[in-house]
Amino acid sequence: MKAKILLVDDDELLRGILASMLSSYTIIEAGNGKEAVELYKLHKPDLVLMDIMMPVMDGVAATKEILKENPDAKILAITAFAPIRGKEMLDAGAIDIISKPITRRRLNEIVQRFLEMPKAATK
């Protein structure tokens, strides 16, 4: 069974590119943090790739909400703003930060590593 990844980014084009880069997984897409929380509850994905800067609800707030729902959720921040807001995401409970832009190979390596890792080992 393919792992489920919730891909959260307000940029629809970028979501499409990232989804195609992760084509070996089942991808669920959300355009903002509020959608992400709702889709997380519905689909219980194995991993969440969360943008930080989004309308409606940003990645920091969405990360906190998802972790209230499931403290063992694996959330990776994926952002072009890592130097500016990366610490906020880690403080909110994200397990790591991926900087945009990223190559297909590197993204898949990171995703695979975190999918295989038990949540306790990410702390």
PDB file of N, CA and C in Angstrom:
ATOM      1  N   MET A   1       0.831  -1.188   0.000  1.00  0.00           N
ATOM      2  CA  MET A   1       0.000   0.000   0.000  1.00  0.00           C
ATOM      3  C   MET A   1       0.880   1.258   0.000  1.00  0.00           C
ATOM      4  N   LYS A   2       0.558   2.181  -0.879  1.00  0.00           N
ATOM      5  CA  LYS A   2       1.353   3.406  -0.985  1.00  0.00           C
ATOM      6  C   LYS A   2       1.104   4.303   0.217  1.00  0.00           C
ATOM      7  N   ALA A   3       2.178   4.946   0.680  1.00  0.00           N
ATOM      8  CA  ALA A   3       2.054   5.912   1.771  1.00  0.00           C
ATOM      9  C   ALA A   3       1.244   7.115   1.287  1.00  0.00           C
ATOM     10  N   LYS A   4       0.464   7.707   2.211  1.00  0.00           N
ATOM     11  CA  LYS A   4      -0.333   8.907   1.905  1.00  0.00           C
ATOM     12  C   LYS A   4       0.412  10.135   2.408  1.00  0.00           C
ATOM     13  N   ILE A   5       0.520  11.112   1.539  1.00  0.00           N
ATOM     14  CA  ILE A   5       1.173  12.371   1.890  1.00  0.00           C
ATOM     15  C   ILE A   5       0.187  13.511   1.668  1.00  0.00           C
ATOM     16  N   LEU A   6       0.016  14.321   2.696  1.00  0.00           N
ATOM     17  CA  LEU A   6      -0.791  15.532   2.588  1.00  0.00           C
ATOM     18  C   LEU A   6       0.147  16.669   2.208  1.00  0.00           C
ATOM     19  N   LEU A   7      -0.081  17.238   1.045  1.00  0.00           N
ATOM     20  CA  LEU A   7       0.749  18.298   0.492  1.00  0.00           C
ATOM     21  C   LEU A   7      -0.006  19.615   0.630  1.00  0.00           C
ATOM     22  N   VAL A   8       0.538  20.533   1.424  1.00  0.00           N
ATOM     23  CA  VAL A   8      -0.171  21.772   1.749  1.00  0.00           C
ATOM     24  C   VAL A   8       0.614  22.982   1.248  1.00  0.00           C
ATOM     25  N   ASP A   9       0.048  23.688   0.287  1.00  0.00           N
ATOM     26  CA  ASP A   9       0.683  24.892  -0.246  1.00  0.00           C
ATOM     27  C   ASP A   9      -0.388  25.704  -0.952  1.00  0.00           C
ATOM     28  N   ASP A  10      -0.376  27.019  -0.790  1.00  0.00           N
ATOM     29  CA  ASP A  10      -1.377  27.864  -1.438  1.00  0.00           C
ATOM     30  C   ASP A  10      -1.089  28.082  -2.918  1.00  0.00           C
ATOM     31  N   ASP A  11       0.112  27.731  -3.375  1.00  0.00           N
ATOM     32  CA  ASP A  11       0.476  27.884  -4.779  1.00  0.00           C
ATOM     33  C   ASP A  11       0.092  26.598  -5.526  1.00  0.00           C
ATOM     34  N   GLU A  12      -1.006  26.662  -6.275  1.00  0.00           N
ATOM     35  CA  GLU A  12      -1.534  25.473  -6.951  1.00  0.00           C
ATOM     36  C   GLU A  12      -0.528  24.885  -7.940  1.00  0.00           C
ATOM     37  N   LEU A  13       0.183  25.728  -8.665  1.00  0.00           N
ATOM     38  CA  LEU A  13       1.182  25.257  -9.622  1.00  0.00           C
ATOM     39  C   LEU A  13       2.291  24.501  -8.899  1.00  0.00           C
ATOM     40  N   LEU A  14       2.782  25.073  -7.818  1.00  0.00           N
ATOM     41  CA  LEU A  14       3.847  24.417  -7.049  1.00  0.00           C
ATOM     42  C   LEU A  14       3.350  23.096  -6.457  1.00  0.00           C
ATOM     43  N   ARG A  15       2.116  23.078  -5.962  1.00  0.00           N
ATOM     44  CA  ARG A  15       1.538  21.820  -5.442  1.00  0.00           C
ATOM     45  C   ARG A  15       1.557  20.755  -6.522  1.00  0.00           C
ATOM     46  N   GLY A  16       1.188  21.145  -7.729  1.00  0.00           N
ATOM     47  CA  GLY A  16       1.184  20.198  -8.847  1.00  0.00           C
ATOM     48  C   GLY A  16       2.575  19.666  -9.147  1.00  0.00           C
ATOM     49  N   ILE A  17       3.551  20.547  -9.108  1.00  0.00           N
ATOM     50  CA  ILE A  17       4.940  20.135  -9.361  1.00  0.00           C
ATOM     51  C   ILE A  17       5.406  19.176  -8.269  1.00  0.00           C
ATOM     52  N   LEU A  18       5.166  19.535  -7.012  1.00  0.00           N
ATOM     53  CA  LEU A  18       5.573  18.665  -5.904  1.00  0.00           C
ATOM     54  C   LEU A  18       4.840  17.324  -5.959  1.00  0.00           C
ATOM     55  N   ALA A  19       3.557  17.359  -6.293  1.00  0.00           N
ATOM     56  CA  ALA A  19       2.782  16.117  -6.402  1.00  0.00           C
ATOM     57  C   ALA A  19       3.376  15.215  -7.484  1.00  0.00           C
ATOM     58  N   SER A  20       3.773  15.796  -8.615  1.00  0.00           N
ATOM     59  CA  SER A  20       4.365  14.977  -9.683  1.00  0.00           C
ATOM     60  C   SER A  20       5.736  14.446  -9.258  1.00  0.00           C
ATOM     61  N   MET A  21       6.467  15.219  -8.459  1.00  0.00           N
ATOM     62  CA  MET A  21       7.762  14.761  -7.945  1.00  0.00           C
ATOM     63  C   MET A  21       7.593  13.587  -6.979  1.00  0.00           C
ATOM     64  N   LEU A  22       6.432  13.514  -6.346  1.00  0.00           N
ATOM     65  CA  LEU A  22       6.150  12.465  -5.358  1.00  0.00           C
ATOM     66  C   LEU A  22       5.125  11.463  -5.896  1.00  0.00           C
ATOM     67  N   SER A  23       5.185  11.203  -7.191  1.00  0.00           N
ATOM     68  CA  SER A  23       4.160  10.388  -7.856  1.00  0.00           C
ATOM     69  C   SER A  23       4.101   8.941  -7.376  1.00  0.00           C
ATOM     70  N   SER A  24       5.105   8.472  -6.672  1.00  0.00           N
ATOM     71  CA  SER A  24       5.069   7.091  -6.176  1.00  0.00           C
ATOM     72  C   SER A  24       4.241   6.975  -4.887  1.00  0.00           C
ATOM     73  N   TYR A  25       3.718   8.096  -4.411  1.00  0.00           N
ATOM     74  CA  TYR A  25       2.895   8.108  -3.197  1.00  0.00           C
ATOM     75  C   TYR A  25       1.471   8.541  -3.545  1.00  0.00           C
ATOM     76  N   THR A  26       0.545   8.273  -2.633  1.00  0.00           N
ATOM     77  CA  THR A  26      -0.808   8.802  -2.760  1.00  0.00           C
ATOM     78  C   THR A  26      -0.780  10.225  -2.215  1.00  0.00           C
ATOM     79  N   ILE A  27      -1.130  11.188  -3.046  1.00  0.00           N
ATOM     80  CA  ILE A  27      -1.039  12.600  -2.663  1.00  0.00           C
ATOM     81  C   ILE A  27      -2.439  13.172  -2.420  1.00  0.00           C
ATOM     82  N   ILE A  28      -2.570  13.855  -1.290  1.00  0.00           N
ATOM     83  CA  ILE A  28      -3.777  14.606  -0.951  1.00  0.00           C
ATOM     84  C   ILE A  28      -3.338  16.059  -0.920  1.00  0.00           C
ATOM     85  N   GLU A  29      -4.070  16.946  -1.584  1.00  0.00           N
ATOM     86  CA  GLU A  29      -3.645  18.345  -1.676  1.00  0.00           C
ATOM     87  C   GLU A  29      -4.570  19.272  -0.914  1.00  0.00           C
ATOM     88  N   ALA A  30      -3.953  20.257  -0.245  1.00  0.00           N
ATOM     89  CA  ALA A  30      -4.699  21.310   0.444  1.00  0.00           C
ATOM     90  C   ALA A  30      -4.075  22.655   0.072  1.00  0.00           C
ATOM     91  N   GLY A  31      -4.937  23.674  -0.084  1.00  0.00           N
ATOM     92  CA  GLY A  31      -4.477  24.997  -0.499  1.00  0.00           C
ATOM     93  C   GLY A  31      -4.237  25.972   0.641  1.00  0.00           C
ATOM     94  N   ASN A  32      -4.590  25.562   1.871  1.00  0.00           N
ATOM     95  CA  ASN A  32      -4.320  26.416   3.035  1.00  0.00           C
ATOM     96  C   ASN A  32      -4.354  25.538   4.291  1.00  0.00           C
ATOM     97  N   GLY A  33      -3.990  26.127   5.406  1.00  0.00           N
ATOM     98  CA  GLY A  33      -3.904  25.372   6.649  1.00  0.00           C
ATOM     99  C   GLY A  33      -5.229  24.836   7.144  1.00  0.00           C
ATOM    100  N   LYS A  34      -6.303  25.591   6.951  1.00  0.00           N
ATOM    101  CA  LYS A  34      -7.629  25.144   7.389  1.00  0.00           C
ATOM    102  C   LYS A  34      -8.039  23.879   6.636  1.00  0.00           C
ATOM    103  N   GLU A  35      -7.854  23.898   5.320  1.00  0.00           N
ATOM    104  CA  GLU A  35      -8.130  22.705   4.509  1.00  0.00           C
ATOM    105  C   GLU A  35      -7.255  21.546   4.967  1.00  0.00           C
ATOM    106  N   ALA A  36      -5.994  21.844   5.274  1.00  0.00           N
ATOM    107  CA  ALA A  36      -5.048  20.806   5.690  1.00  0.00           C
ATOM    108  C   ALA A  36      -5.533  20.089   6.948  1.00  0.00           C
ATOM    109  N   VAL A  37      -6.006  20.850   7.922  1.00  0.00           N
ATOM    110  CA  VAL A  37      -6.494  20.259   9.173  1.00  0.00           C
ATOM    111  C   VAL A  37      -7.696  19.361   8.878  1.00  0.00           C
ATOM    112  N   GLU A  38      -8.628  19.846   8.059  1.00  0.00           N
ATOM    113  CA  GLU A  38      -9.820  19.058   7.712  1.00  0.00           C
ATOM    114  C   GLU A  38      -9.435  17.783   6.964  1.00  0.00           C
ATOM    115  N   LEU A  39      -8.532  17.904   5.986  1.00  0.00           N
ATOM    116  CA  LEU A  39      -8.125  16.733   5.208  1.00  0.00           C
ATOM    117  C   LEU A  39      -7.287  15.771   6.040  1.00  0.00           C
ATOM    118  N   TYR A  40      -6.517  16.303   6.984  1.00  0.00           N
ATOM    119  CA  TYR A  40      -5.747  15.418   7.869  1.00  0.00           C
ATOM    120  C   TYR A  40      -6.707  14.524   8.664  1.00  0.00           C
ATOM    121  N   LYS A  41      -7.726  15.137   9.243  1.00  0.00           N
ATOM    122  CA  LYS A  41      -8.699  14.376  10.037  1.00  0.00           C
ATOM    123  C   LYS A  41      -9.404  13.315   9.187  1.00  0.00           C
ATOM    124  N   LEU A  42      -9.698  13.657   7.955  1.00  0.00           N
ATOM    125  CA  LEU A  42     -10.426  12.762   7.060  1.00  0.00           C
ATOM    126  C   LEU A  42      -9.562  11.599   6.558  1.00  0.00           C
ATOM    127  N   HIS A  43      -8.322  11.892   6.157  1.00  0.00           N
ATOM    128  CA  HIS A  43      -7.483  10.901   5.475  1.00  0.00           C
ATOM    129  C   HIS A  43      -6.383  10.271   6.331  1.00  0.00           C
ATOM    130  N   LYS A  44      -6.032  10.880   7.453  1.00  0.00           N
ATOM    131  CA  LYS A  44      -4.956  10.371   8.326  1.00  0.00           C
ATOM    132  C   LYS A  44      -3.695  10.009   7.523  1.00  0.00           C
ATOM    133  N   PRO A  45      -3.084  10.985   6.845  1.00  0.00           N
ATOM    134  CA  PRO A  45      -1.907  10.685   6.022  1.00  0.00           C
ATOM    135  C   PRO A  45      -0.705  10.258   6.871  1.00  0.00           C
ATOM    136  N   ASP A  46       0.230   9.604   6.212  1.00  0.00           N
ATOM    137  CA  ASP A  46       1.447   9.135   6.878  1.00  0.00           C
ATOM    138  C   ASP A  46       2.437  10.267   7.108  1.00  0.00           C
ATOM    139  N   LEU A  47       2.352  11.309   6.278  1.00  0.00           N
ATOM    140  CA  LEU A  47       3.292  12.423   6.347  1.00  0.00           C
ATOM    141  C   LEU A  47       2.600  13.672   5.816  1.00  0.00           C
ATOM    142  N   VAL A  48       2.951  14.835   6.373  1.00  0.00           N
ATOM    143  CA  VAL A  48       2.416  16.112   5.911  1.00  0.00           C
ATOM    144  C   VAL A  48       3.585  16.989   5.485  1.00  0.00           C
ATOM    145  N   LEU A  49       3.504  17.551   4.281  1.00  0.00           N
ATOM    146  CA  LEU A  49       4.458  18.564   3.820  1.00  0.00           C
ATOM    147  C   LEU A  49       3.716  19.884   3.865  1.00  0.00           C
ATOM    148  N   MET A  50       4.121  20.761   4.780  1.00  0.00           N
ATOM    149  CA  MET A  50       3.362  21.969   5.111  1.00  0.00           C
ATOM    150  C   MET A  50       4.130  23.234   4.751  1.00  0.00           C
ATOM    151  N   ASP A  51       3.543  24.033   3.870  1.00  0.00           N
ATOM    152  CA  ASP A  51       4.079  25.365   3.596  1.00  0.00           C
ATOM    153  C   ASP A  51       3.821  26.225   4.833  1.00  0.00           C
ATOM    154  N   ILE A  52       4.557  27.301   4.990  1.00  0.00           N
ATOM    155  CA  ILE A  52       4.373  28.166   6.162  1.00  0.00           C
ATOM    156  C   ILE A  52       3.446  29.337   5.837  1.00  0.00           C
ATOM    157  N   MET A  53       3.773  30.077   4.789  1.00  0.00           N
ATOM    158  CA  MET A  53       3.056  31.310   4.457  1.00  0.00           C
ATOM    159  C   MET A  53       1.861  30.997   3.559  1.00  0.00           C
ATOM    160  N   MET A  54       0.650  31.003   4.163  1.00  0.00           N
ATOM    161  CA  MET A  54      -0.578  30.719   3.409  1.00  0.00           C
ATOM    162  C   MET A  54      -1.713  31.572   3.951  1.00  0.00           C
ATOM    163  N   PRO A  55      -2.719  31.827   3.100  1.00  0.00           N
ATOM    164  CA  PRO A  55      -3.903  32.554   3.580  1.00  0.00           C
ATOM    165  C   PRO A  55      -4.796  31.640   4.427  1.00  0.00           C
ATOM    166  N   VAL A  56      -5.795  32.207   5.036  1.00  0.00           N
ATOM    167  CA  VAL A  56      -6.811  31.539   5.854  1.00  0.00           C
ATOM    168  C   VAL A  56      -6.207  31.033   7.165  1.00  0.00           C
ATOM    169  N   MET A  57      -5.272  30.086   7.100  1.00  0.00           N
ATOM    170  CA  MET A  57      -4.551  29.604   8.282  1.00  0.00           C
ATOM    171  C   MET A  57      -3.141  29.251   7.826  1.00  0.00           C
ATOM    172  N   ASP A  58      -2.135  29.826   8.497  1.00  0.00           N
ATOM    173  CA  ASP A  58      -0.761  29.559   8.071  1.00  0.00           C
ATOM    174  C   ASP A  58      -0.286  28.182   8.561  1.00  0.00           C
ATOM    175  N   GLY A  59       0.900  27.806   8.125  1.00  0.00           N
ATOM    176  CA  GLY A  59       1.440  26.491   8.450  1.00  0.00           C
ATOM    177  C   GLY A  59       1.712  26.277   9.926  1.00  0.00           C
ATOM    178  N   VAL A  60       2.069  27.326  10.628  1.00  0.00           N
ATOM    179  CA  VAL A  60       2.336  27.218  12.070  1.00  0.00           C
ATOM    180  C   VAL A  60       1.048  26.826  12.808  1.00  0.00           C
ATOM    181  N   ALA A  61      -0.023  27.562  12.550  1.00  0.00           N
ATOM    182  CA  ALA A  61      -1.311  27.279  13.204  1.00  0.00           C
ATOM    183  C   ALA A  61      -1.838  25.908  12.795  1.00  0.00           C
ATOM    184  N   ALA A  62      -1.716  25.557  11.516  1.00  0.00           N
ATOM    185  CA  ALA A  62      -2.200  24.259  11.037  1.00  0.00           C
ATOM    186  C   ALA A  62      -1.411  23.111  11.666  1.00  0.00           C
ATOM    187  N   THR A  63      -0.110  23.292  11.812  1.00  0.00           N
ATOM    188  CA  THR A  63       0.726  22.262  12.453  1.00  0.00           C
ATOM    189  C   THR A  63       0.258  22.017  13.876  1.00  0.00           C
ATOM    190  N   LYS A  64       0.018  23.097  14.612  1.00  0.00           N
ATOM    191  CA  LYS A  64      -0.458  22.961  15.996  1.00  0.00           C
ATOM    192  C   LYS A  64      -1.801  22.241  16.059  1.00  0.00           C
ATOM    193  N   GLU A  65      -2.717  22.576  15.143  1.00  0.00           N
ATOM    194  CA  GLU A  65      -4.039  21.951  15.125  1.00  0.00           C
ATOM    195  C   GLU A  65      -3.947  20.455  14.799  1.00  0.00           C
ATOM    196  N   ILE A  66      -3.127  20.120  13.816  1.00  0.00           N
ATOM    197  CA  ILE A  66      -2.969  18.707  13.441  1.00  0.00           C
ATOM    198  C   ILE A  66      -2.369  17.914  14.605  1.00  0.00           C
ATOM    199  N   LEU A  67      -1.411  18.500  15.286  1.00  0.00           N
ATOM    200  CA  LEU A  67      -0.781  17.791  16.409  1.00  0.00           C
ATOM    201  C   LEU A  67      -1.721  17.650  17.603  1.00  0.00           C
ATOM    202  N   LYS A  68      -2.712  18.539  17.720  1.00  0.00           N
ATOM    203  CA  LYS A  68      -3.753  18.346  18.745  1.00  0.00           C
ATOM    204  C   LYS A  68      -4.579  17.119  18.396  1.00  0.00           C
ATOM    205  N   GLU A  69      -4.858  16.955  17.112  1.00  0.00           N
ATOM    206  CA  GLU A  69      -5.632  15.817  16.611  1.00  0.00           C
ATOM    207  C   GLU A  69      -4.837  14.513  16.760  1.00  0.00           C
ATOM    208  N   ASN A  70      -3.555  14.571  16.413  1.00  0.00           N
ATOM    209  CA  ASN A  70      -2.693  13.390  16.479  1.00  0.00           C
ATOM    210  C   ASN A  70      -1.279  13.818  16.866  1.00  0.00           C
ATOM    211  N   PRO A  71      -0.907  13.654  18.140  1.00  0.00           N
ATOM    212  CA  PRO A  71       0.424  14.059  18.597  1.00  0.00           C
ATOM    213  C   PRO A  71       1.563  13.333  17.871  1.00  0.00           C
ATOM    214  N   ASP A  72       1.247  12.214  17.214  1.00  0.00           N
ATOM    215  CA  ASP A  72       2.274  11.460  16.492  1.00  0.00           C
ATOM    216  C   ASP A  72       2.361  11.819  15.008  1.00  0.00           C
ATOM    217  N   ALA A  73       1.605  12.824  14.579  1.00  0.00           N
ATOM    218  CA  ALA A  73       1.644  13.232  13.169  1.00  0.00           C
ATOM    219  C   ALA A  73       3.061  13.660  12.796  1.00  0.00           C
ATOM    220  N   LYS A  74       3.473  13.257  11.595  1.00  0.00           N
ATOM    221  CA  LYS A  74       4.791  13.654  11.070  1.00  0.00           C
ATOM    222  C   LYS A  74       4.571  14.805  10.100  1.00  0.00           C
ATOM    223  N   ILE A  75       5.044  15.986  10.488  1.00  0.00           N
ATOM    224  CA  ILE A  75       4.856  17.192   9.676  1.00  0.00           C
ATOM    225  C   ILE A  75       6.214  17.775   9.338  1.00  0.00           C
ATOM    226  N   LEU A  76       6.465  17.935   8.051  1.00  0.00           N
ATOM    227  CA  LEU A  76       7.682  18.581   7.573  1.00  0.00           C
ATOM    228  C   LEU A  76       7.297  19.929   6.983  1.00  0.00           C
ATOM    229  N   ALA A  77       7.990  20.973   7.395  1.00  0.00           N
ATOM    230  CA  ALA A  77       7.769  22.286   6.783  1.00  0.00           C
ATOM    231  C   ALA A  77       8.488  22.300   5.441  1.00  0.00           C
ATOM    232  N   ILE A  78       7.831  22.815   4.416  1.00  0.00           N
ATOM    233  CA  ILE A  78       8.480  22.969   3.112  1.00  0.00           C
ATOM    234  C   ILE A  78       8.267  24.428   2.705  1.00  0.00           C
ATOM    235  N   THR A  79       9.370  25.177   2.659  1.00  0.00           N
ATOM    236  CA  THR A  79       9.233  26.626   2.548  1.00  0.00           C
ATOM    237  C   THR A  79      10.435  27.296   1.915  1.00  0.00           C
ATOM    238  N   ALA A  80      10.182  28.432   1.317  1.00  0.00           N
ATOM    239  CA  ALA A  80      11.263  29.285   0.830  1.00  0.00           C
ATOM    240  C   ALA A  80      11.701  30.245   1.939  1.00  0.00           C
ATOM    241  N   PHE A  81      10.992  30.222   3.073  1.00  0.00           N
ATOM    242  CA  PHE A  81      11.245  31.165   4.160  1.00  0.00           C
ATOM    243  C   PHE A  81      11.873  30.500   5.384  1.00  0.00           C
ATOM    244  N   ALA A  82      12.623  29.410   5.175  1.00  0.00           N
ATOM    245  CA  ALA A  82      13.214  28.675   6.296  1.00  0.00           C
ATOM    246  C   ALA A  82      14.029  29.571   7.237  1.00  0.00           C
ATOM    247  N   PRO A  83      14.880  30.469   6.715  1.00  0.00           N
ATOM    248  CA  PRO A  83      15.668  31.292   7.639  1.00  0.00           C
ATOM    249  C   PRO A  83      14.809  32.246   8.477  1.00  0.00           C
ATOM    250  N   ILE A  84      13.644  32.636   7.932  1.00  0.00           N
ATOM    251  CA  ILE A  84      12.808  33.619   8.609  1.00  0.00           C
ATOM    252  C   ILE A  84      11.826  32.962   9.572  1.00  0.00           C
ATOM    253  N   ARG A  85      11.129  31.903   9.121  1.00  0.00           N
ATOM    254  CA  ARG A  85      10.052  31.331   9.929  1.00  0.00           C
ATOM    255  C   ARG A  85      10.250  29.863  10.284  1.00  0.00           C
ATOM    256  N   GLY A  86      11.395  29.302   9.928  1.00  0.00           N
ATOM    257  CA  GLY A  86      11.652  27.892  10.200  1.00  0.00           C
ATOM    258  C   GLY A  86      11.577  27.531  11.669  1.00  0.00           C
ATOM    259  N   LYS A  87      12.150  28.357  12.530  1.00  0.00           N
ATOM    260  CA  LYS A  87      12.134  28.074  13.961  1.00  0.00           C
ATOM    261  C   LYS A  87      10.703  28.029  14.502  1.00  0.00           C
ATOM    262  N   GLU A  88       9.852  28.916  13.993  1.00  0.00           N
ATOM    263  CA  GLU A  88       8.435  28.914  14.400  1.00  0.00           C
ATOM    264  C   GLU A  88       7.784  27.569  14.105  1.00  0.00           C
ATOM    265  N   MET A  89       8.091  27.008  12.932  1.00  0.00           N
ATOM    266  CA  MET A  89       7.519  25.712  12.563  1.00  0.00           C
ATOM    267  C   MET A  89       8.047  24.603  13.462  1.00  0.00           C
ATOM    268  N   LEU A  90       9.340  24.634  13.745  1.00  0.00           N
ATOM    269  CA  LEU A  90       9.906  23.611  14.632  1.00  0.00           C
ATOM    270  C   LEU A  90       9.309  23.738  16.034  1.00  0.00           C
ATOM    271  N   ASP A  91       9.155  24.967  16.504  1.00  0.00           N
ATOM    272  CA  ASP A  91       8.536  25.195  17.816  1.00  0.00           C
ATOM    273  C   ASP A  91       7.080  24.719  17.838  1.00  0.00           C
ATOM    274  N   ALA A  92       6.400  24.794  16.701  1.00  0.00           N
ATOM    275  CA  ALA A  92       4.999  24.358  16.600  1.00  0.00           C
ATOM    276  C   ALA A  92       4.886  22.832  16.570  1.00  0.00           C
ATOM    277  N   GLY A  93       6.006  22.154  16.256  1.00  0.00           N
ATOM    278  CA  GLY A  93       5.985  20.696  16.261  1.00  0.00           C
ATOM    279  C   GLY A  93       6.406  20.031  14.963  1.00  0.00           C
ATOM    280  N   ALA A  94       6.779  20.819  13.950  1.00  0.00           N
ATOM    281  CA  ALA A  94       7.288  20.208  12.714  1.00  0.00           C
ATOM    282  C   ALA A  94       8.585  19.464  13.044  1.00  0.00           C
ATOM    283  N   ILE A  95       8.830  18.350  12.353  1.00  0.00           N
ATOM    284  CA  ILE A  95      10.007  17.543  12.671  1.00  0.00           C
ATOM    285  C   ILE A  95      11.235  17.940  11.877  1.00  0.00           C
ATOM    286  N   ASP A  96      11.057  18.683  10.790  1.00  0.00           N
ATOM    287  CA  ASP A  96      12.203  19.164  10.023  1.00  0.00           C
ATOM    288  C   ASP A  96      11.710  20.221   9.046  1.00  0.00           C
ATOM    289  N   ILE A  97      12.663  20.865   8.385  1.00  0.00           N
ATOM    290  CA  ILE A  97      12.349  21.906   7.418  1.00  0.00           C
ATOM    291  C   ILE A  97      13.028  21.585   6.102  1.00  0.00           C
ATOM    292  N   ILE A  98      12.264  21.633   5.031  1.00  0.00           N
ATOM    293  CA  ILE A  98      12.784  21.437   3.678  1.00  0.00           C
ATOM    294  C   ILE A  98      12.741  22.800   3.006  1.00  0.00           C
ATOM    295  N   SER A  99      13.862  23.228   2.456  1.00  0.00           N
ATOM    296  CA  SER A  99      13.907  24.525   1.778  1.00  0.00           C
ATOM    297  C   SER A  99      13.540  24.380   0.309  1.00  0.00           C
ATOM    298  N   LYS A 100      12.693  25.301  -0.166  1.00  0.00           N
ATOM    299  CA  LYS A 100      12.386  25.388  -1.595  1.00  0.00           C
ATOM    300  C   LYS A 100      13.434  26.299  -2.218  1.00  0.00           C
ATOM    301  N   PRO A 101      13.793  26.090  -3.443  1.00  0.00           N
ATOM    302  CA  PRO A 101      13.410  24.982  -4.309  1.00  0.00           C
ATOM    303  C   PRO A 101      14.153  23.698  -3.931  1.00  0.00           C
ATOM    304  N   ILE A 102      13.633  22.559  -4.395  1.00  0.00           N
ATOM    305  CA  ILE A 102      14.225  21.268  -4.084  1.00  0.00           C
ATOM    306  C   ILE A 102      14.131  20.371  -5.315  1.00  0.00           C
ATOM    307  N   THR A 103      15.086  19.465  -5.459  1.00  0.00           N
ATOM    308  CA  THR A 103      15.059  18.541  -6.590  1.00  0.00           C
ATOM    309  C   THR A 103      14.162  17.344  -6.269  1.00  0.00           C
ATOM    310  N   ARG A 104      13.694  16.689  -7.305  1.00  0.00           N
ATOM    311  CA  ARG A 104      12.860  15.491  -7.152  1.00  0.00           C
ATOM    312  C   ARG A 104      13.592  14.443  -6.311  1.00  0.00           C
ATOM    313  N   ARG A 105      14.842  14.199  -6.646  1.00  0.00           N
ATOM    314  CA  ARG A 105      15.607  13.162  -5.936  1.00  0.00           C
ATOM    315  C   ARG A 105      15.736  13.484  -4.452  1.00  0.00           C
ATOM    316  N   ARG A 106      16.107  14.709  -4.154  1.00  0.00           N
ATOM    317  CA  ARG A 106      16.296  15.110  -2.753  1.00  0.00           C
ATOM    318  C   ARG A 106      14.971  15.044  -1.985  1.00  0.00           C
ATOM    319  N   LEU A 107      13.896  15.522  -2.600  1.00  0.00           N
ATOM    320  CA  LEU A 107      12.591  15.486  -1.943  1.00  0.00           C
ATOM    321  C   LEU A 107      12.191  14.047  -1.619  1.00  0.00           C
ATOM    322  N   ASN A 108      12.361  13.153  -2.574  1.00  0.00           N
ATOM    323  CA  ASN A 108      11.996  11.757  -2.354  1.00  0.00           C
ATOM    324  C   ASN A 108      12.873  11.091  -1.296  1.00  0.00           C
ATOM    325  N   GLU A 109      14.149  11.445  -1.259  1.00  0.00           N
ATOM    326  CA  GLU A 109      15.040  10.908  -0.211  1.00  0.00           C
ATOM    327  C   GLU A 109      14.558  11.340   1.174  1.00  0.00           C
ATOM    328  N   ILE A 110      14.238  12.608   1.317  1.00  0.00           N
ATOM    329  CA  ILE A 110      13.792  13.144   2.612  1.00  0.00           C
ATOM    330  C   ILE A 110      12.470  12.502   3.025  1.00  0.00           C
ATOM    331  N   VAL A 111      11.523  12.449   2.110  1.00  0.00           N
ATOM    332  CA  VAL A 111      10.208  11.880   2.401  1.00  0.00           C
ATOM    333  C   VAL A 111      10.355  10.415   2.819  1.00  0.00           C
ATOM    334  N   GLN A 112      11.125   9.642   2.072  1.00  0.00           N
ATOM    335  CA  GLN A 112      11.306   8.227   2.390  1.00  0.00           C
ATOM    336  C   GLN A 112      11.930   8.048   3.777  1.00  0.00           C
ATOM    337  N   ARG A 113      12.927   8.874   4.080  1.00  0.00           N
ATOM    338  CA  ARG A 113      13.593   8.773   5.385  1.00  0.00           C
ATOM    339  C   ARG A 113      12.601   9.013   6.522  1.00  0.00           C
ATOM    340  N   PHE A 114      11.760  10.025   6.399  1.00  0.00           N
ATOM    341  CA  PHE A 114      10.816  10.326   7.473  1.00  0.00           C
ATOM    342  C   PHE A 114       9.647   9.351   7.521  1.00  0.00           C
ATOM    343  N   LEU A 115       9.265   8.780   6.387  1.00  0.00           N
ATOM    344  CA  LEU A 115       8.215   7.766   6.400  1.00  0.00           C
ATOM    345  C   LEU A 115       8.679   6.509   7.144  1.00  0.00           C
ATOM    346  N   GLU A 116       9.951   6.179   6.994  1.00  0.00           N
ATOM    347  CA  GLU A 116      10.491   4.977   7.632  1.00  0.00           C
ATOM    348  C   GLU A 116      10.792   5.176   9.111  1.00  0.00           C
ATOM    349  N   MET A 117      10.935   6.404   9.515  1.00  0.00           N
ATOM    350  CA  MET A 117      11.344   6.715  10.880  1.00  0.00           C
ATOM    351  C   MET A 117      10.143   6.745  11.827  1.00  0.00           C
ATOM    352  N   PRO A 118      10.227   6.043  12.967  1.00  0.00           N
ATOM    353  CA  PRO A 118       9.143   6.173  13.938  1.00  0.00           C
ATOM    354  C   PRO A 118       9.089   7.599  14.472  1.00  0.00           C
ATOM    355  N   LYS A 119       7.901   8.097  14.786  1.00  0.00           N
ATOM    356  CA  LYS A 119       7.734   9.470  15.259  1.00  0.00           C
ATOM    357  C   LYS A 119       8.635   9.760  16.457  1.00  0.00           C
ATOM    358  N   ALA A 120       8.748   8.823  17.375  1.00  0.00           N
ATOM    359  CA  ALA A 120       9.568   9.048  18.576  1.00  0.00           C
ATOM    360  C   ALA A 120      11.012   9.364  18.220  1.00  0.00           C
ATOM    361  N   ALA A 121      11.511   8.809  17.120  1.00  0.00           N
ATOM    362  CA  ALA A 121      12.895   9.041  16.714  1.00  0.00           C
ATOM    363  C   ALA A 121      13.094  10.423  16.103  1.00  0.00           C
ATOM    364  N   THR A 122      12.016  11.102  15.781  1.00  0.00           N
ATOM    365  CA  THR A 122      12.135  12.427  15.157  1.00  0.00           C
ATOM    366  C   THR A 122      12.262  13.532  16.200  1.00  0.00           C
ATOM    367  N   LYS A 123      12.002  13.226  17.437  1.00  0.00           N
ATOM    368  CA  LYS A 123      12.052  14.243  18.492  1.00  0.00           C
ATOM    369  C   LYS A 123      13.476  14.583  18.885  1.00  0.00           C
TER     370      LYS A 123
END
